[in-house]
Amino acid sequence: MTPAKCSSFEEFWPLYLGAHRNAGNRWLHFVGTVLAVLCLPAAIVLLEPWLLAAAPVIGYGLAWVGHFLVEGNRPETFGSPAWSMRGNFRMTWRMLIGRLGPELKRLETPSDSVPS
């Protein structure tokens, strides 16, 4: 099933994670998301409206670098923008609290595993 044809976010989530198997890609998403979120209060505190415009450029920019140059795939943003953003925030939060590993492990197939 393609992400655009999913009928729920819970159906989309495993596909989203599948497009983020590479740890380098996930970390670029994490850094981009954290920096983008930090731009919002910084814009208010520093009275710098350009930071509001910088937030999506930083967030999407790093994520897209992760997809095109690290993971070698197409960002889910193009097919399912709302669910992709929700997936990104869920992935970032679970990385932050150390709970993403078990979900990635469930997706792992024998071809993804590193031989012991």
Protein backbone atom coordinates (compact mmCIF):
# COMPACT_ATOMS: atom_id res chain seq x y z
CA MET A 1 0.00 0.00 0.00
CA THR A 2 1.26 3.46 -0.81
CA PRO A 3 1.28 6.10 1.94
CA ALA A 4 -1.21 8.26 0.01
CA LYS A 5 -3.76 5.40 0.07
CA CYS A 6 -3.63 4.80 3.81
CA SER A 7 -6.95 5.20 5.57
CA SER A 8 -5.49 6.10 8.98
CA PHE A 9 -2.36 7.50 10.52
CA GLU A 10 -1.72 4.22 12.34
CA GLU A 11 -1.68 2.49 8.95
CA PHE A 12 0.66 5.19 7.60
CA TRP A 13 3.11 5.12 10.56
CA PRO A 14 4.92 1.85 9.65
CA LEU A 15 5.32 3.08 6.07
CA TYR A 16 6.69 6.37 7.37
CA LEU A 17 9.22 4.56 9.55
CA GLY A 18 10.12 2.33 6.63
CA ALA A 19 11.16 5.43 4.70
CA HIS A 20 13.43 6.40 7.61
CA ARG A 21 15.47 3.22 8.17
CA ASN A 22 18.81 5.02 7.95
CA ALA A 23 19.89 6.50 11.29
CA GLY A 24 21.61 9.43 9.56
CA ASN A 25 18.34 10.38 7.90
CA ARG A 26 16.47 10.13 11.21
CA TRP A 27 19.05 12.33 12.94
CA LEU A 28 18.85 14.96 10.21
CA HIS A 29 15.07 14.97 10.75
CA PHE A 30 15.56 15.24 14.51
CA VAL A 31 18.00 18.16 14.30
CA GLY A 32 15.90 19.95 11.68
CA THR A 33 12.71 19.54 13.71
CA VAL A 34 14.28 20.72 16.96
CA LEU A 35 15.86 23.75 15.28
CA ALA A 36 12.63 24.60 13.46
CA VAL A 37 10.61 24.40 16.68
CA LEU A 38 13.19 26.55 18.49
CA CYS A 39 12.89 29.21 15.77
CA LEU A 40 9.32 29.95 16.89
CA PRO A 41 9.97 31.16 20.45
CA ALA A 42 13.25 32.73 19.32
CA ALA A 43 11.31 34.83 16.78
CA ILE A 44 9.05 36.09 19.56
CA VAL A 45 11.74 36.70 22.18
CA LEU A 46 14.18 38.32 19.76
CA LEU A 47 11.48 40.11 17.75
CA GLU A 48 12.94 38.64 14.55
CA PRO A 49 10.11 37.68 12.16
CA TRP A 50 12.55 36.21 9.65
CA LEU A 51 13.00 33.30 12.09
CA LEU A 52 9.38 32.32 11.39
CA ALA A 53 10.23 31.96 7.71
CA ALA A 54 13.46 30.15 8.56
CA ALA A 55 11.68 27.43 10.58
CA PRO A 56 10.23 25.43 7.66
CA VAL A 57 13.32 26.00 5.53
CA ILE A 58 15.53 24.53 8.26
CA GLY A 59 13.14 21.70 9.15
CA TYR A 60 12.31 20.57 5.64
CA GLY A 61 15.76 21.38 4.32
CA LEU A 62 17.55 19.01 6.67
CA ALA A 63 14.86 16.34 6.26
CA TRP A 64 15.07 16.48 2.48
CA VAL A 65 18.87 16.30 2.60
CA GLY A 66 18.37 13.16 4.68
CA HIS A 67 16.08 11.63 2.10
CA PHE A 68 17.83 12.59 -1.11
CA LEU A 69 21.47 12.25 -0.02
CA VAL A 70 21.44 9.80 2.89
CA GLU A 71 18.42 7.50 2.58
CA GLY A 72 18.14 7.74 -1.20
CA ASN A 73 14.36 7.95 -1.32
CA ARG A 74 11.52 10.42 -1.84
CA PRO A 75 10.18 12.32 1.19
CA GLU A 76 6.69 11.28 2.31
CA THR A 77 5.89 15.02 2.49
CA PHE A 78 5.16 14.99 -1.24
CA GLY A 79 2.43 12.34 -0.99
CA SER A 80 0.96 12.82 2.48
CA PRO A 81 2.03 16.20 3.89
CA ALA A 82 -0.14 16.25 7.04
CA TRP A 83 0.55 12.66 8.06
CA SER A 84 4.20 13.11 7.20
CA MET A 85 4.48 16.07 9.55
CA ARG A 86 2.66 14.13 12.27
CA GLY A 87 4.97 11.17 11.66
CA ASN A 88 8.01 13.42 11.88
CA PHE A 89 6.90 14.84 15.22
CA ARG A 90 6.13 11.34 16.55
CA MET A 91 9.50 10.03 15.36
CA THR A 92 11.32 13.04 16.86
CA TRP A 93 9.52 12.68 20.19
CA ARG A 94 10.22 8.96 20.38
CA MET A 95 13.87 9.57 19.56
CA LEU A 96 14.01 12.18 22.31
CA ILE A 97 12.57 9.83 24.94
CA GLY A 98 14.47 6.78 23.68
CA ARG A 99 11.39 4.83 22.53
CA LEU A 100 11.89 4.60 18.76
CA GLY A 101 14.11 1.49 18.79
CA PRO A 102 11.37 -1.09 19.49
CA GLU A 103 9.23 0.25 16.66
CA LEU A 104 12.12 0.14 14.22
CA LYS A 105 12.93 -3.39 15.39
CA ARG A 106 9.39 -4.54 14.54
CA LEU A 107 9.88 -3.30 10.97
CA GLU A 108 13.21 -5.01 10.54
CA THR A 109 13.33 -7.80 7.99
CA PRO A 110 16.12 -10.36 7.66
CA SER A 111 17.62 -8.38 4.76
CA ASP A 112 17.78 -5.29 7.01
CA SER A 113 19.57 -7.12 9.80
CA VAL A 114 23.30 -6.90 10.25
CA PRO A 115 24.88 -10.37 10.57
CA SER A 116 26.18 -11.13 14.07
